[in-house]
Amino acid sequence: QVSLDGTEALHDQIRGEGAFAKAIEA
């Protein structure tokens, strides 16, 4: 299970800059 909490801007706001790209990559 990969955590994804929103579109890029909001996911990165919640988890930290660059986190969205890493989640998609994973």
mmCIF file of all heavy atoms, coordinates in Angstrom:
data_MODEL
# 
_entry.id   MODEL 
# 
loop_
_atom_site.group_PDB 
_atom_site.id 
_atom_site.type_symbol 
_atom_site.label_atom_id 
_atom_site.label_alt_id 
_atom_site.label_comp_id 
_atom_site.label_asym_id 
_atom_site.label_entity_id 
_atom_site.label_seq_id 
_atom_site.pdbx_PDB_ins_code 
_atom_site.Cartn_x 
_atom_site.Cartn_y 
_atom_site.Cartn_z 
_atom_site.occupancy 
_atom_site.B_iso_or_equiv 
_atom_site.pdbx_formal_charge 
_atom_site.auth_seq_id 
_atom_site.auth_comp_id 
_atom_site.auth_asym_id 
_atom_site.auth_atom_id 
_atom_site.pdbx_PDB_model_num 
ATOM 1   N N   . GLN A 1 1  ? 0.840  -1.190 0.000   1.00 0.00 ? 1  GLN A N   1 
ATOM 2   C CA  . GLN A 1 1  ? 0.000  0.000  0.000   1.00 0.00 ? 1  GLN A CA  1 
ATOM 3   C C   . GLN A 1 1  ? 0.880  1.246  0.000   1.00 0.00 ? 1  GLN A C   1 
ATOM 4   O O   . GLN A 1 1  ? 1.760  1.389  0.850   1.00 0.00 ? 1  GLN A O   1 
ATOM 5   C CB  . GLN A 1 1  ? -0.882 -0.028 1.250   1.00 0.00 ? 1  GLN A CB  1 
ATOM 6   C CG  . GLN A 1 1  ? -1.747 1.187  1.466   1.00 0.00 ? 1  GLN A CG  1 
ATOM 7   C CD  . GLN A 1 1  ? -2.638 1.011  2.680   1.00 0.00 ? 1  GLN A CD  1 
ATOM 8   O OE1 . GLN A 1 1  ? -3.666 0.341  2.612   1.00 0.00 ? 1  GLN A OE1 1 
ATOM 9   N NE2 . GLN A 1 1  ? -2.253 1.582  3.808   1.00 0.00 ? 1  GLN A NE2 1 
ATOM 10  N N   . VAL A 1 2  ? 0.655  2.128  -0.974  1.00 0.00 ? 2  VAL A N   1 
ATOM 11  C CA  . VAL A 1 2  ? 1.412  3.374  -1.061  1.00 0.00 ? 2  VAL A CA  1 
ATOM 12  C C   . VAL A 1 2  ? 0.497  4.530  -0.673  1.00 0.00 ? 2  VAL A C   1 
ATOM 13  O O   . VAL A 1 2  ? -0.609 4.667  -1.215  1.00 0.00 ? 2  VAL A O   1 
ATOM 14  C CB  . VAL A 1 2  ? 1.973  3.597  -2.475  1.00 0.00 ? 2  VAL A CB  1 
ATOM 15  C CG1 . VAL A 1 2  ? 2.788  4.894  -2.528  1.00 0.00 ? 2  VAL A CG1 1 
ATOM 16  C CG2 . VAL A 1 2  ? 2.844  2.413  -2.895  1.00 0.00 ? 2  VAL A CG2 1 
ATOM 17  N N   . SER A 1 3  ? 0.946  5.348  0.253   1.00 0.00 ? 3  SER A N   1 
ATOM 18  C CA  . SER A 1 3  ? 0.138  6.473  0.722   1.00 0.00 ? 3  SER A CA  1 
ATOM 19  C C   . SER A 1 3  ? 0.156  7.606  -0.288  1.00 0.00 ? 3  SER A C   1 
ATOM 20  O O   . SER A 1 3  ? 1.218  8.030  -0.752  1.00 0.00 ? 3  SER A O   1 
ATOM 21  C CB  . SER A 1 3  ? 0.675  6.981  2.068   1.00 0.00 ? 3  SER A CB  1 
ATOM 22  O OG  . SER A 1 3  ? 0.615  5.971  3.046   1.00 0.00 ? 3  SER A OG  1 
ATOM 23  N N   . LEU A 1 4  ? -1.038 8.103  -0.623  1.00 0.00 ? 4  LEU A N   1 
ATOM 24  C CA  . LEU A 1 4  ? -1.176 9.214  -1.558  1.00 0.00 ? 4  LEU A CA  1 
ATOM 25  C C   . LEU A 1 4  ? -2.358 10.053 -1.092  1.00 0.00 ? 4  LEU A C   1 
ATOM 26  O O   . LEU A 1 4  ? -3.505 9.621  -1.169  1.00 0.00 ? 4  LEU A O   1 
ATOM 27  C CB  . LEU A 1 4  ? -1.406 8.682  -2.977  1.00 0.00 ? 4  LEU A CB  1 
ATOM 28  C CG  . LEU A 1 4  ? -1.076 9.604  -4.143  1.00 0.00 ? 4  LEU A CG  1 
ATOM 29  C CD1 . LEU A 1 4  ? 0.379  10.049 -4.101  1.00 0.00 ? 4  LEU A CD1 1 
ATOM 30  C CD2 . LEU A 1 4  ? -1.369 8.913  -5.468  1.00 0.00 ? 4  LEU A CD2 1 
ATOM 31  N N   . ASP A 1 5  ? -2.064 11.245 -0.598  1.00 0.00 ? 5  ASP A N   1 
ATOM 32  C CA  . ASP A 1 5  ? -3.081 12.039 0.089   1.00 0.00 ? 5  ASP A CA  1 
ATOM 33  C C   . ASP A 1 5  ? -3.543 13.271 -0.666  1.00 0.00 ? 5  ASP A C   1 
ATOM 34  O O   . ASP A 1 5  ? -4.094 14.197 -0.059  1.00 0.00 ? 5  ASP A O   1 
ATOM 35  C CB  . ASP A 1 5  ? -2.566 12.453 1.470   1.00 0.00 ? 5  ASP A CB  1 
ATOM 36  C CG  . ASP A 1 5  ? -2.409 11.269 2.400   1.00 0.00 ? 5  ASP A CG  1 
ATOM 37  O OD1 . ASP A 1 5  ? -3.213 10.324 2.301   1.00 0.00 ? 5  ASP A OD1 1 
ATOM 38  O OD2 . ASP A 1 5  ? -1.479 11.271 3.218   1.00 0.00 ? 5  ASP A OD2 1 
ATOM 39  N N   . GLY A 1 6  ? -3.352 13.282 -1.976  1.00 0.00 ? 6  GLY A N   1 
ATOM 40  C CA  . GLY A 1 6  ? -3.839 14.409 -2.751  1.00 0.00 ? 6  GLY A CA  1 
ATOM 41  C C   . GLY A 1 6  ? -3.034 14.603 -4.014  1.00 0.00 ? 6  GLY A C   1 
ATOM 42  O O   . GLY A 1 6  ? -2.123 13.826 -4.317  1.00 0.00 ? 6  GLY A O   1 
ATOM 43  N N   . THR A 1 7  ? -3.396 15.633 -4.743  1.00 0.00 ? 7  THR A N   1 
ATOM 44  C CA  . THR A 1 7  ? -2.618 16.010 -5.906  1.00 0.00 ? 7  THR A CA  1 
ATOM 45  C C   . THR A 1 7  ? -1.258 16.528 -5.432  1.00 0.00 ? 7  THR A C   1 
ATOM 46  O O   . THR A 1 7  ? -1.039 16.692 -4.223  1.00 0.00 ? 7  THR A O   1 
ATOM 47  C CB  . THR A 1 7  ? -3.362 17.089 -6.704  1.00 0.00 ? 7  THR A CB  1 
ATOM 48  O OG1 . THR A 1 7  ? -3.777 18.135 -5.801  1.00 0.00 ? 7  THR A OG1 1 
ATOM 49  C CG2 . THR A 1 7  ? -4.617 16.511 -7.363  1.00 0.00 ? 7  THR A CG2 1 
ATOM 50  N N   . GLU A 1 8  ? -0.352 16.781 -6.361  1.00 0.00 ? 8  GLU A N   1 
ATOM 51  C CA  . GLU A 1 8  ? 1.037  17.019 -5.980  1.00 0.00 ? 8  GLU A CA  1 
ATOM 52  C C   . GLU A 1 8  ? 1.221  18.111 -4.937  1.00 0.00 ? 8  GLU A C   1 
ATOM 53  O O   . GLU A 1 8  ? 1.910  17.907 -3.926  1.00 0.00 ? 8  GLU A O   1 
ATOM 54  C CB  . GLU A 1 8  ? 1.867  17.338 -7.228  1.00 0.00 ? 8  GLU A CB  1 
ATOM 55  C CG  . GLU A 1 8  ? 3.350  17.494 -6.922  1.00 0.00 ? 8  GLU A CG  1 
ATOM 56  C CD  . GLU A 1 8  ? 4.206  17.522 -8.172  1.00 0.00 ? 8  GLU A CD  1 
ATOM 57  O OE1 . GLU A 1 8  ? 3.642  17.593 -9.288  1.00 0.00 ? 8  GLU A OE1 1 
ATOM 58  O OE2 . GLU A 1 8  ? 5.442  17.465 -8.035  1.00 0.00 ? 8  GLU A OE2 1 
ATOM 59  N N   . ALA A 1 9  ? 0.615  19.270 -5.150  1.00 0.00 ? 9  ALA A N   1 
ATOM 60  C CA  . ALA A 1 9  ? 0.829  20.389 -4.233  1.00 0.00 ? 9  ALA A CA  1 
ATOM 61  C C   . ALA A 1 9  ? 0.343  20.063 -2.826  1.00 0.00 ? 9  ALA A C   1 
ATOM 62  O O   . ALA A 1 9  ? 1.034  20.334 -1.831  1.00 0.00 ? 9  ALA A O   1 
ATOM 63  C CB  . ALA A 1 9  ? 0.128  21.639 -4.756  1.00 0.00 ? 9  ALA A CB  1 
ATOM 64  N N   . LEU A 1 10 ? -0.834 19.448 -2.725  1.00 0.00 ? 10 LEU A N   1 
ATOM 65  C CA  . LEU A 1 10 ? -1.391 19.172 -1.404  1.00 0.00 ? 10 LEU A CA  1 
ATOM 66  C C   . LEU A 1 10 ? -0.699 17.992 -0.735  1.00 0.00 ? 10 LEU A C   1 
ATOM 67  O O   . LEU A 1 10 ? -0.430 18.017 0.475   1.00 0.00 ? 10 LEU A O   1 
ATOM 68  C CB  . LEU A 1 10 ? -2.892 18.906 -1.518  1.00 0.00 ? 10 LEU A CB  1 
ATOM 69  C CG  . LEU A 1 10 ? -3.677 18.893 -0.200  1.00 0.00 ? 10 LEU A CG  1 
ATOM 70  C CD1 . LEU A 1 10 ? -3.334 20.111 0.652   1.00 0.00 ? 10 LEU A CD1 1 
ATOM 71  C CD2 . LEU A 1 10 ? -5.167 18.855 -0.476  1.00 0.00 ? 10 LEU A CD2 1 
ATOM 72  N N   . HIS A 1 11 ? -0.388 16.964 -1.506  1.00 0.00 ? 11 HIS A N   1 
ATOM 73  C CA  . HIS A 1 11 ? 0.346  15.818 -0.937  1.00 0.00 ? 11 HIS A CA  1 
ATOM 74  C C   . HIS A 1 11 ? 1.683  16.283 -0.375  1.00 0.00 ? 11 HIS A C   1 
ATOM 75  O O   . HIS A 1 11 ? 2.079  15.874 0.721   1.00 0.00 ? 11 HIS A O   1 
ATOM 76  C CB  . HIS A 1 11 ? 0.567  14.760 -2.021  1.00 0.00 ? 11 HIS A CB  1 
ATOM 77  C CG  . HIS A 1 11 ? 1.269  13.537 -1.525  1.00 0.00 ? 11 HIS A CG  1 
ATOM 78  N ND1 . HIS A 1 11 ? 0.607  12.475 -0.933  1.00 0.00 ? 11 HIS A ND1 1 
ATOM 79  C CD2 . HIS A 1 11 ? 2.588  13.197 -1.519  1.00 0.00 ? 11 HIS A CD2 1 
ATOM 80  C CE1 . HIS A 1 11 ? 1.480  11.535 -0.593  1.00 0.00 ? 11 HIS A CE1 1 
ATOM 81  N NE2 . HIS A 1 11 ? 2.688  11.949 -0.948  1.00 0.00 ? 11 HIS A NE2 1 
ATOM 82  N N   . ASP A 1 12 ? 2.378  17.131 -1.109  1.00 0.00 ? 12 ASP A N   1 
ATOM 83  C CA  . ASP A 1 12 ? 3.676  17.635 -0.635  1.00 0.00 ? 12 ASP A CA  1 
ATOM 84  C C   . ASP A 1 12 ? 3.507  18.548 0.577   1.00 0.00 ? 12 ASP A C   1 
ATOM 85  O O   . ASP A 1 12 ? 4.390  18.608 1.443   1.00 0.00 ? 12 ASP A O   1 
ATOM 86  C CB  . ASP A 1 12 ? 4.401  18.378 -1.753  1.00 0.00 ? 12 ASP A CB  1 
ATOM 87  C CG  . ASP A 1 12 ? 5.009  17.427 -2.780  1.00 0.00 ? 12 ASP A CG  1 
ATOM 88  O OD1 . ASP A 1 12 ? 4.808  16.204 -2.658  1.00 0.00 ? 12 ASP A OD1 1 
ATOM 89  O OD2 . ASP A 1 12 ? 5.677  17.918 -3.718  1.00 0.00 ? 12 ASP A OD2 1 
ATOM 90  N N   . GLN A 1 13 ? 2.388  19.256 0.652   1.00 0.00 ? 13 GLN A N   1 
ATOM 91  C CA  . GLN A 1 13 ? 2.117  20.085 1.826   1.00 0.00 ? 13 GLN A CA  1 
ATOM 92  C C   . GLN A 1 13 ? 1.933  19.212 3.068   1.00 0.00 ? 13 GLN A C   1 
ATOM 93  O O   . GLN A 1 13 ? 2.388  19.557 4.162   1.00 0.00 ? 13 GLN A O   1 
ATOM 94  C CB  . GLN A 1 13 ? 0.855  20.921 1.598   1.00 0.00 ? 13 GLN A CB  1 
ATOM 95  C CG  . GLN A 1 13 ? 0.504  21.853 2.743   1.00 0.00 ? 13 GLN A CG  1 
ATOM 96  C CD  . GLN A 1 13 ? -0.774 22.643 2.487   1.00 0.00 ? 13 GLN A CD  1 
ATOM 97  O OE1 . GLN A 1 13 ? -1.242 22.756 1.347   1.00 0.00 ? 13 GLN A OE1 1 
ATOM 98  N NE2 . GLN A 1 13 ? -1.360 23.192 3.529   1.00 0.00 ? 13 GLN A NE2 1 
ATOM 99  N N   . ILE A 1 14 ? 1.307  18.073 2.889   1.00 0.00 ? 14 ILE A N   1 
ATOM 100 C CA  . ILE A 1 14 ? 1.043  17.159 3.997   1.00 0.00 ? 14 ILE A CA  1 
ATOM 101 C C   . ILE A 1 14 ? 2.287  16.377 4.391   1.00 0.00 ? 14 ILE A C   1 
ATOM 102 O O   . ILE A 1 14 ? 2.565  16.183 5.577   1.00 0.00 ? 14 ILE A O   1 
ATOM 103 C CB  . ILE A 1 14 ? -0.093 16.184 3.612   1.00 0.00 ? 14 ILE A CB  1 
ATOM 104 C CG1 . ILE A 1 14 ? -1.412 16.948 3.462   1.00 0.00 ? 14 ILE A CG1 1 
ATOM 105 C CG2 . ILE A 1 14 ? -0.237 15.067 4.646   1.00 0.00 ? 14 ILE A CG2 1 
ATOM 106 C CD1 . ILE A 1 14 ? -2.529 16.130 2.835   1.00 0.00 ? 14 ILE A CD1 1 
ATOM 107 N N   . ARG A 1 15 ? 3.075  15.942 3.391   1.00 0.00 ? 15 ARG A N   1 
ATOM 108 C CA  . ARG A 1 15 ? 4.155  14.985 3.655   1.00 0.00 ? 15 ARG A CA  1 
ATOM 109 C C   . ARG A 1 15 ? 5.566  15.531 3.415   1.00 0.00 ? 15 ARG A C   1 
ATOM 110 O O   . ARG A 1 15 ? 6.536  14.927 3.872   1.00 0.00 ? 15 ARG A O   1 
ATOM 111 C CB  . ARG A 1 15 ? 3.936  13.731 2.806   1.00 0.00 ? 15 ARG A CB  1 
ATOM 112 C CG  . ARG A 1 15 ? 2.697  12.969 3.229   1.00 0.00 ? 15 ARG A CG  1 
ATOM 113 C CD  . ARG A 1 15 ? 2.462  11.719 2.408   1.00 0.00 ? 15 ARG A CD  1 
ATOM 114 N NE  . ARG A 1 15 ? 1.318  10.986 2.905   1.00 0.00 ? 15 ARG A NE  1 
ATOM 115 C CZ  . ARG A 1 15 ? 1.365  9.993  3.797   1.00 0.00 ? 15 ARG A CZ  1 
ATOM 116 N NH1 . ARG A 1 15 ? 2.529  9.594  4.264   1.00 0.00 ? 15 ARG A NH1 1 
ATOM 117 N NH2 . ARG A 1 15 ? 0.270  9.386  4.210   1.00 0.00 ? 15 ARG A NH2 1 
ATOM 118 N N   . GLY A 1 16 ? 5.678  16.620 2.692   1.00 0.00 ? 16 GLY A N   1 
ATOM 119 C CA  . GLY A 1 16 ? 6.997  17.177 2.439   1.00 0.00 ? 16 GLY A CA  1 
ATOM 120 C C   . GLY A 1 16 ? 7.284  17.296 0.948   1.00 0.00 ? 16 GLY A C   1 
ATOM 121 O O   . GLY A 1 16 ? 6.793  16.502 0.143   1.00 0.00 ? 16 GLY A O   1 
ATOM 122 N N   . GLU A 1 17 ? 8.087  18.278 0.586   1.00 0.00 ? 17 GLU A N   1 
ATOM 123 C CA  . GLU A 1 17 ? 8.374  18.547 -0.819  1.00 0.00 ? 17 GLU A CA  1 
ATOM 124 C C   . GLU A 1 17 ? 9.003  17.327 -1.500  1.00 0.00 ? 17 GLU A C   1 
ATOM 125 O O   . GLU A 1 17 ? 9.927  16.709 -0.981  1.00 0.00 ? 17 GLU A O   1 
ATOM 126 C CB  . GLU A 1 17 ? 9.325  19.739 -0.937  1.00 0.00 ? 17 GLU A CB  1 
ATOM 127 C CG  . GLU A 1 17 ? 9.584  20.181 -2.363  1.00 0.00 ? 17 GLU A CG  1 
ATOM 128 C CD  . GLU A 1 17 ? 10.472 21.412 -2.446  1.00 0.00 ? 17 GLU A CD  1 
ATOM 129 O OE1 . GLU A 1 17 ? 10.797 21.984 -1.386  1.00 0.00 ? 17 GLU A OE1 1 
ATOM 130 O OE2 . GLU A 1 17 ? 10.829 21.792 -3.577  1.00 0.00 ? 17 GLU A OE2 1 
ATOM 131 N N   . GLY A 1 18 ? 8.471  16.984 -2.660  1.00 0.00 ? 18 GLY A N   1 
ATOM 132 C CA  . GLY A 1 18 ? 8.981  15.868 -3.430  1.00 0.00 ? 18 GLY A CA  1 
ATOM 133 C C   . GLY A 1 18 ? 8.328  14.535 -3.105  1.00 0.00 ? 18 GLY A C   1 
ATOM 134 O O   . GLY A 1 18 ? 8.576  13.535 -3.782  1.00 0.00 ? 18 GLY A O   1 
ATOM 135 N N   . ALA A 1 19 ? 7.471  14.508 -2.070  1.00 0.00 ? 19 ALA A N   1 
ATOM 136 C CA  . ALA A 1 19 ? 6.868  13.245 -1.629  1.00 0.00 ? 19 ALA A CA  1 
ATOM 137 C C   . ALA A 1 19 ? 5.902  12.669 -2.667  1.00 0.00 ? 19 ALA A C   1 
ATOM 138 O O   . ALA A 1 19 ? 5.800  11.443 -2.811  1.00 0.00 ? 19 ALA A O   1 
ATOM 139 C CB  . ALA A 1 19 ? 6.150  13.446 -0.299  1.00 0.00 ? 19 ALA A CB  1 
ATOM 140 N N   . PHE A 1 20 ? 5.197  13.546 -3.383  1.00 0.00 ? 20 PHE A N   1 
ATOM 141 C CA  . PHE A 1 20 ? 4.241  13.055 -4.385  1.00 0.00 ? 20 PHE A CA  1 
ATOM 142 C C   . PHE A 1 20 ? 4.971  12.303 -5.491  1.00 0.00 ? 20 PHE A C   1 
ATOM 143 O O   . PHE A 1 20 ? 4.568  11.194 -5.879  1.00 0.00 ? 20 PHE A O   1 
ATOM 144 C CB  . PHE A 1 20 ? 3.456  14.231 -4.975  1.00 0.00 ? 20 PHE A CB  1 
ATOM 145 C CG  . PHE A 1 20 ? 2.447  13.830 -6.020  1.00 0.00 ? 20 PHE A CG  1 
ATOM 146 C CD1 . PHE A 1 20 ? 1.170  13.433 -5.651  1.00 0.00 ? 20 PHE A CD1 1 
ATOM 147 C CD2 . PHE A 1 20 ? 2.769  13.864 -7.366  1.00 0.00 ? 20 PHE A CD2 1 
ATOM 148 C CE1 . PHE A 1 20 ? 0.227  13.063 -6.611  1.00 0.00 ? 20 PHE A CE1 1 
ATOM 149 C CE2 . PHE A 1 20 ? 1.839  13.503 -8.333  1.00 0.00 ? 20 PHE A CE2 1 
ATOM 150 C CZ  . PHE A 1 20 ? 0.564  13.098 -7.956  1.00 0.00 ? 20 PHE A CZ  1 
ATOM 151 N N   . ALA A 1 21 ? 6.037  12.887 -5.991  1.00 0.00 ? 21 ALA A N   1 
ATOM 152 C CA  . ALA A 1 21 ? 6.793  12.247 -7.071  1.00 0.00 ? 21 ALA A CA  1 
ATOM 153 C C   . ALA A 1 21 ? 7.342  10.895 -6.624  1.00 0.00 ? 21 ALA A C   1 
ATOM 154 O O   . ALA A 1 21 ? 7.335  9.926  -7.392  1.00 0.00 ? 21 ALA A O   1 
ATOM 155 C CB  . ALA A 1 21 ? 7.934  13.160 -7.518  1.00 0.00 ? 21 ALA A CB  1 
ATOM 156 N N   . LYS A 1 22 ? 7.808  10.818 -5.385  1.00 0.00 ? 22 LYS A N   1 
ATOM 157 C CA  . LYS A 1 22 ? 8.334  9.557  -4.865  1.00 0.00 ? 22 LYS A CA  1 
ATOM 158 C C   . LYS A 1 22 ? 7.234  8.507  -4.712  1.00 0.00 ? 22 LYS A C   1 
ATOM 159 O O   . LYS A 1 22 ? 7.461  7.313  -4.946  1.00 0.00 ? 22 LYS A O   1 
ATOM 160 C CB  . LYS A 1 22 ? 9.026  9.782  -3.518  1.00 0.00 ? 22 LYS A CB  1 
ATOM 161 C CG  . LYS A 1 22 ? 10.406 10.398 -3.637  1.00 0.00 ? 22 LYS A CG  1 
ATOM 162 C CD  . LYS A 1 22 ? 11.374 9.437  -4.339  1.00 0.00 ? 22 LYS A CD  1 
ATOM 163 C CE  . LYS A 1 22 ? 12.780 9.979  -4.390  1.00 0.00 ? 22 LYS A CE  1 
ATOM 164 N NZ  . LYS A 1 22 ? 13.714 9.058  -5.100  1.00 0.00 ? 22 LYS A NZ  1 
ATOM 165 N N   . ALA A 1 23 ? 6.044  8.943  -4.322  1.00 0.00 ? 23 ALA A N   1 
ATOM 166 C CA  . ALA A 1 23 ? 4.928  8.006  -4.183  1.00 0.00 ? 23 ALA A CA  1 
ATOM 167 C C   . ALA A 1 23 ? 4.523  7.442  -5.540  1.00 0.00 ? 23 ALA A C   1 
ATOM 168 O O   . ALA A 1 23 ? 4.302  6.233  -5.677  1.00 0.00 ? 23 ALA A O   1 
ATOM 169 C CB  . ALA A 1 23 ? 3.744  8.707  -3.513  1.00 0.00 ? 23 ALA A CB  1 
ATOM 170 N N   . ILE A 1 24 ? 4.432  8.303  -6.547  1.00 0.00 ? 24 ILE A N   1 
ATOM 171 C CA  . ILE A 1 24 ? 4.079  7.847  -7.898  1.00 0.00 ? 24 ILE A CA  1 
ATOM 172 C C   . ILE A 1 24 ? 5.148  6.891  -8.423  1.00 0.00 ? 24 ILE A C   1 
ATOM 173 O O   . ILE A 1 24 ? 4.843  5.841  -9.012  1.00 0.00 ? 24 ILE A O   1 
ATOM 174 C CB  . ILE A 1 24 ? 3.914  9.038  -8.852  1.00 0.00 ? 24 ILE A CB  1 
ATOM 175 C CG1 . ILE A 1 24 ? 2.746  9.937  -8.403  1.00 0.00 ? 24 ILE A CG1 1 
ATOM 176 C CG2 . ILE A 1 24 ? 3.700  8.546  -10.277 1.00 0.00 ? 24 ILE A CG2 1 
ATOM 177 C CD1 . ILE A 1 24 ? 1.392  9.265  -8.431  1.00 0.00 ? 24 ILE A CD1 1 
ATOM 178 N N   . GLU A 1 25 ? 6.390  7.243  -8.200  1.00 0.00 ? 25 GLU A N   1 
ATOM 179 C CA  . GLU A 1 25 ? 7.508  6.386  -8.627  1.00 0.00 ? 25 GLU A CA  1 
ATOM 180 C C   . GLU A 1 25 ? 7.419  5.012  -7.957  1.00 0.00 ? 25 GLU A C   1 
ATOM 181 O O   . GLU A 1 25 ? 7.648  3.978  -8.591  1.00 0.00 ? 25 GLU A O   1 
ATOM 182 C CB  . GLU A 1 25 ? 8.825  7.070  -8.250  1.00 0.00 ? 25 GLU A CB  1 
ATOM 183 C CG  . GLU A 1 25 ? 10.077 6.320  -8.642  1.00 0.00 ? 25 GLU A CG  1 
ATOM 184 C CD  . GLU A 1 25 ? 11.331 7.049  -8.192  1.00 0.00 ? 25 GLU A CD  1 
ATOM 185 O OE1 . GLU A 1 25 ? 11.408 8.279  -8.385  1.00 0.00 ? 25 GLU A OE1 1 
ATOM 186 O OE2 . GLU A 1 25 ? 12.229 6.395  -7.628  1.00 0.00 ? 25 GLU A OE2 1 
ATOM 187 N N   . ALA A 1 26 ? 7.069  5.003  -6.663  1.00 0.00 ? 26 ALA A N   1 
ATOM 188 C CA  . ALA A 1 26 ? 6.964  3.746  -5.928  1.00 0.00 ? 26 ALA A CA  1 
ATOM 189 C C   . ALA A 1 26 ? 5.807  2.893  -6.438  1.00 0.00 ? 26 ALA A C   1 
ATOM 190 O O   . ALA A 1 26 ? 5.927  1.667  -6.547  1.00 0.00 ? 26 ALA A O   1 
ATOM 191 C CB  . ALA A 1 26 ? 6.780  4.029  -4.436  1.00 0.00 ? 26 ALA A CB  1 
# 
